[in-house]
């Protein structure tokens, strides 16, 4: 049996676990599991990559462009450049698997974890970090 170290980190009301990083996929894609506490949410943003959300437990409200839907299963495809965000609006935990094309999402989220660890982050540091990873934060 092969023991594998779990690569997991906190992320704004969620726990992110790396399922596959660019180093294991030839930089083609990355996958994470997000365990969302009640109230956990992402800011509205765009990516320079395609993204797929698959809710595997609970219900997650996902906004893609102007569409808002409560999702309790199945994939939600988000093309590169499309404004999107998610939130766990329920009183129960939820879980999603997130797959992103290319290689940058894991390091982006790991960096956001560091920037938000002690409370609201410095806006200049967030702006520098998002720009470096092809992410644009949008107004709510």
C-alpha atoms as a PDB file:
ATOM      1  CA  UNK A   1       0.000   0.000   0.000  1.00  0.00           C
ATOM      2  CA  UNK A   2       1.313   3.446  -0.889  1.00  0.00           C
ATOM      3  CA  UNK A   3       0.884   6.144   1.711  1.00  0.00           C
ATOM      4  CA  UNK A   4       0.178   9.558   0.286  1.00  0.00           C
ATOM      5  CA  UNK A   5       0.507  12.834   2.109  1.00  0.00           C
ATOM      6  CA  UNK A   6      -2.685  14.855   1.945  1.00  0.00           C
ATOM      7  CA  UNK A   7      -2.125  18.380   0.638  1.00  0.00           C
ATOM      8  CA  UNK A   8      -4.842  20.418   2.331  1.00  0.00           C
ATOM      9  CA  UNK A   9      -5.194  24.048   3.440  1.00  0.00           C
ATOM     10  CA  UNK A  10      -7.891  26.407   4.776  1.00  0.00           C
ATOM     11  CA  UNK A  11      -9.550  28.743   2.305  1.00  0.00           C
ATOM     12  CA  UNK A  12     -12.047  31.411   3.390  1.00  0.00           C
ATOM     13  CA  UNK A  13     -14.527  29.178   5.231  1.00  0.00           C
ATOM     14  CA  UNK A  14     -13.567  26.079   3.295  1.00  0.00           C
ATOM     15  CA  UNK A  15     -10.922  23.388   3.397  1.00  0.00           C
ATOM     16  CA  UNK A  16      -9.162  22.819   0.065  1.00  0.00           C
ATOM     17  CA  UNK A  17      -7.576  19.449  -0.681  1.00  0.00           C
ATOM     18  CA  UNK A  18      -5.425  19.052  -3.779  1.00  0.00           C
ATOM     19  CA  UNK A  19      -6.501  15.996  -5.784  1.00  0.00           C
ATOM     20  CA  UNK A  20      -4.182  16.593  -8.760  1.00  0.00           C
ATOM     21  CA  UNK A  21      -1.693  19.366  -9.382  1.00  0.00           C
ATOM     22  CA  UNK A  22      -0.090  20.525 -12.590  1.00  0.00           C
ATOM     23  CA  UNK A  23       3.059  18.632 -11.652  1.00  0.00           C
ATOM     24  CA  UNK A  24       1.143  15.323 -12.005  1.00  0.00           C
ATOM     25  CA  UNK A  25      -0.903  16.242 -15.111  1.00  0.00           C
ATOM     26  CA  UNK A  26       1.799  17.702 -17.346  1.00  0.00           C
ATOM     27  CA  UNK A  27       0.391  21.183 -16.535  1.00  0.00           C
ATOM     28  CA  UNK A  28      -2.817  20.267 -18.415  1.00  0.00           C
ATOM     29  CA  UNK A  29      -5.241  20.577 -15.469  1.00  0.00           C
ATOM     30  CA  UNK A  30      -5.586  20.679 -11.692  1.00  0.00           C
ATOM     31  CA  UNK A  31      -8.292  19.355  -9.367  1.00  0.00           C
ATOM     32  CA  UNK A  32      -9.254  20.235  -5.824  1.00  0.00           C
ATOM     33  CA  UNK A  33     -11.884  19.145  -3.359  1.00  0.00           C
ATOM     34  CA  UNK A  34     -13.522  22.019  -1.467  1.00  0.00           C
ATOM     35  CA  UNK A  35     -15.271  21.209   1.802  1.00  0.00           C
ATOM     36  CA  UNK A  36     -17.518  24.207   2.385  1.00  0.00           C
ATOM     37  CA  UNK A  37     -18.723  25.199   5.841  1.00  0.00           C
ATOM     38  CA  UNK A  38     -22.131  26.875   6.007  1.00  0.00           C
ATOM     39  CA  UNK A  39     -21.670  30.427   4.749  1.00  0.00           C
ATOM     40  CA  UNK A  40     -18.411  29.707   2.872  1.00  0.00           C
ATOM     41  CA  UNK A  41     -18.171  31.639  -0.386  1.00  0.00           C
ATOM     42  CA  UNK A  42     -15.824  32.793  -3.087  1.00  0.00           C
ATOM     43  CA  UNK A  43     -15.675  36.361  -4.324  1.00  0.00           C
ATOM     44  CA  UNK A  44     -17.074  37.016  -7.812  1.00  0.00           C
ATOM     45  CA  UNK A  45     -14.171  36.662 -10.251  1.00  0.00           C
ATOM     46  CA  UNK A  46     -12.968  35.539 -13.660  1.00  0.00           C
ATOM     47  CA  UNK A  47     -10.134  33.185 -14.586  1.00  0.00           C
ATOM     48  CA  UNK A  48      -7.936  32.936 -17.651  1.00  0.00           C
ATOM     49  CA  UNK A  49      -8.694  29.176 -17.573  1.00  0.00           C
ATOM     50  CA  UNK A  50     -11.781  26.967 -17.954  1.00  0.00           C
ATOM     51  CA  UNK A  51     -13.279  25.584 -14.741  1.00  0.00           C
ATOM     52  CA  UNK A  52     -15.704  22.814 -13.833  1.00  0.00           C
ATOM     53  CA  UNK A  53     -17.585  22.586 -10.507  1.00  0.00           C
ATOM     54  CA  UNK A  54     -19.145  19.279  -9.461  1.00  0.00           C
ATOM     55  CA  UNK A  55     -21.162  19.377  -6.232  1.00  0.00           C
ATOM     56  CA  UNK A  56     -20.799  15.959  -4.613  1.00  0.00           C
ATOM     57  CA  UNK A  57     -22.457  16.613  -1.229  1.00  0.00           C
ATOM     58  CA  UNK A  58     -24.952  19.205  -0.043  1.00  0.00           C
ATOM     59  CA  UNK A  59     -26.221  22.147  -2.060  1.00  0.00           C
ATOM     60  CA  UNK A  60     -24.109  25.019  -3.378  1.00  0.00           C
ATOM     61  CA  UNK A  61     -25.393  28.221  -4.980  1.00  0.00           C
ATOM     62  CA  UNK A  62     -23.313  28.845  -8.096  1.00  0.00           C
ATOM     63  CA  UNK A  63     -23.424  32.047 -10.134  1.00  0.00           C
ATOM     64  CA  UNK A  64     -22.180  31.865 -13.724  1.00  0.00           C
ATOM     65  CA  UNK A  65     -22.552  35.110 -15.660  1.00  0.00           C
ATOM     66  CA  UNK A  66     -26.074  36.336 -14.879  1.00  0.00           C
ATOM     67  CA  UNK A  67     -27.414  32.881 -13.999  1.00  0.00           C
ATOM     68  CA  UNK A  68     -27.817  31.810 -10.362  1.00  0.00           C
ATOM     69  CA  UNK A  69     -28.603  28.192  -9.519  1.00  0.00           C
ATOM     70  CA  UNK A  70     -28.713  25.974  -6.465  1.00  0.00           C
ATOM     71  CA  UNK A  71     -26.781  22.853  -7.406  1.00  0.00           C
ATOM     72  CA  UNK A  72     -26.827  19.545  -5.564  1.00  0.00           C
ATOM     73  CA  UNK A  73     -25.072  17.433  -8.162  1.00  0.00           C
ATOM     74  CA  UNK A  74     -23.784  17.319 -11.678  1.00  0.00           C
ATOM     75  CA  UNK A  75     -21.223  19.503 -13.382  1.00  0.00           C
ATOM     76  CA  UNK A  76     -21.312  23.255 -13.887  1.00  0.00           C
ATOM     77  CA  UNK A  77     -18.976  24.374 -16.707  1.00  0.00           C
ATOM     78  CA  UNK A  78     -17.416  27.845 -16.548  1.00  0.00           C
ATOM     79  CA  UNK A  79     -15.557  28.973 -19.682  1.00  0.00           C
ATOM     80  CA  UNK A  80     -12.459  31.147 -19.279  1.00  0.00           C
ATOM     81  CA  UNK A  81     -13.294  34.816 -18.750  1.00  0.00           C
ATOM     82  CA  UNK A  82     -16.822  34.165 -17.406  1.00  0.00           C
ATOM     83  CA  UNK A  83     -17.726  35.920 -14.134  1.00  0.00           C
ATOM     84  CA  UNK A  84     -18.601  33.372 -11.450  1.00  0.00           C
ATOM     85  CA  UNK A  85     -18.693  32.616  -7.732  1.00  0.00           C
ATOM     86  CA  UNK A  86     -20.119  30.055  -5.309  1.00  0.00           C
ATOM     87  CA  UNK A  87     -21.567  30.055  -1.811  1.00  0.00           C
ATOM     88  CA  UNK A  88     -22.882  27.528   0.629  1.00  0.00           C
ATOM     89  CA  UNK A  89     -26.100  29.284   1.642  1.00  0.00           C
ATOM     90  CA  UNK A  90     -27.366  26.256   3.577  1.00  0.00           C
ATOM     91  CA  UNK A  91     -26.941  25.402   7.250  1.00  0.00           C
ATOM     92  CA  UNK A  92     -25.160  22.143   6.347  1.00  0.00           C
ATOM     93  CA  UNK A  93     -21.654  21.472   5.026  1.00  0.00           C
ATOM     94  CA  UNK A  94     -21.207  20.926   1.291  1.00  0.00           C
ATOM     95  CA  UNK A  95     -18.474  19.470  -0.895  1.00  0.00           C
ATOM     96  CA  UNK A  96     -17.394  20.277  -4.453  1.00  0.00           C
ATOM     97  CA  UNK A  97     -14.751  18.951  -6.777  1.00  0.00           C
ATOM     98  CA  UNK A  98     -13.217  21.716  -8.891  1.00  0.00           C
ATOM     99  CA  UNK A  99     -11.230  21.034 -12.068  1.00  0.00           C
ATOM    100  CA  UNK A 100      -9.351  23.880 -13.775  1.00  0.00           C
ATOM    101  CA  UNK A 101      -7.431  23.772 -17.055  1.00  0.00           C
ATOM    102  CA  UNK A 102      -3.747  24.598 -16.973  1.00  0.00           C
ATOM    103  CA  UNK A 103      -1.528  25.084 -13.983  1.00  0.00           C
ATOM    104  CA  UNK A 104      -2.043  27.996 -11.601  1.00  0.00           C
ATOM    105  CA  UNK A 105      -5.205  27.419  -9.583  1.00  0.00           C
ATOM    106  CA  UNK A 106      -3.616  25.399  -6.769  1.00  0.00           C
ATOM    107  CA  UNK A 107      -0.883  27.974  -6.192  1.00  0.00           C
ATOM    108  CA  UNK A 108      -3.397  30.814  -6.537  1.00  0.00           C
ATOM    109  CA  UNK A 109      -5.671  29.317  -3.867  1.00  0.00           C
ATOM    110  CA  UNK A 110      -2.750  28.432  -1.619  1.00  0.00           C
ATOM    111  CA  UNK A 111      -1.634  32.076  -1.847  1.00  0.00           C
ATOM    112  CA  UNK A 112      -5.148  33.337  -1.070  1.00  0.00           C
ATOM    113  CA  UNK A 113      -5.147  31.060   1.976  1.00  0.00           C
ATOM    114  CA  UNK A 114      -1.963  32.741   3.208  1.00  0.00           C
ATOM    115  CA  UNK A 115      -3.246  36.256   2.416  1.00  0.00           C
ATOM    116  CA  UNK A 116      -6.538  35.735   4.286  1.00  0.00           C
ATOM    117  CA  UNK A 117      -5.241  33.676   7.222  1.00  0.00           C
ATOM    118  CA  UNK A 118      -5.272  36.589   9.673  1.00  0.00           C
ATOM    119  CA  UNK A 119      -8.411  38.392   8.505  1.00  0.00           C
ATOM    120  CA  UNK A 120      -9.127  40.771   5.645  1.00  0.00           C
ATOM    121  CA  UNK A 121      -6.082  40.895   3.357  1.00  0.00           C
ATOM    122  CA  UNK A 122      -4.174  43.906   2.103  1.00  0.00           C
ATOM    123  CA  UNK A 123      -5.902  44.954  -1.169  1.00  0.00           C
ATOM    124  CA  UNK A 124      -2.577  45.702  -2.879  1.00  0.00           C
ATOM    125  CA  UNK A 125      -1.253  42.227  -2.029  1.00  0.00           C
ATOM    126  CA  UNK A 126      -4.452  40.621  -3.355  1.00  0.00           C
ATOM    127  CA  UNK A 127      -4.271  42.675  -6.567  1.00  0.00           C
ATOM    128  CA  UNK A 128      -0.665  41.621  -7.166  1.00  0.00           C
ATOM    129  CA  UNK A 129      -1.446  37.962  -6.401  1.00  0.00           C
ATOM    130  CA  UNK A 130      -4.557  37.786  -8.607  1.00  0.00           C
ATOM    131  CA  UNK A 131      -2.815  39.460 -11.546  1.00  0.00           C
ATOM    132  CA  UNK A 132       0.064  36.990 -11.323  1.00  0.00           C
ATOM    133  CA  UNK A 133      -2.387  34.064 -11.618  1.00  0.00           C
ATOM    134  CA  UNK A 134      -4.777  35.289 -14.340  1.00  0.00           C
ATOM    135  CA  UNK A 135      -7.613  36.056 -11.906  1.00  0.00           C
ATOM    136  CA  UNK A 136      -9.705  39.219 -11.898  1.00  0.00           C
ATOM    137  CA  UNK A 137     -11.797  40.005  -8.803  1.00  0.00           C
ATOM    138  CA  UNK A 138     -15.168  41.627  -9.570  1.00  0.00           C
ATOM    139  CA  UNK A 139     -17.678  43.601  -7.510  1.00  0.00           C
ATOM    140  CA  UNK A 140     -20.269  41.418  -5.777  1.00  0.00           C
END
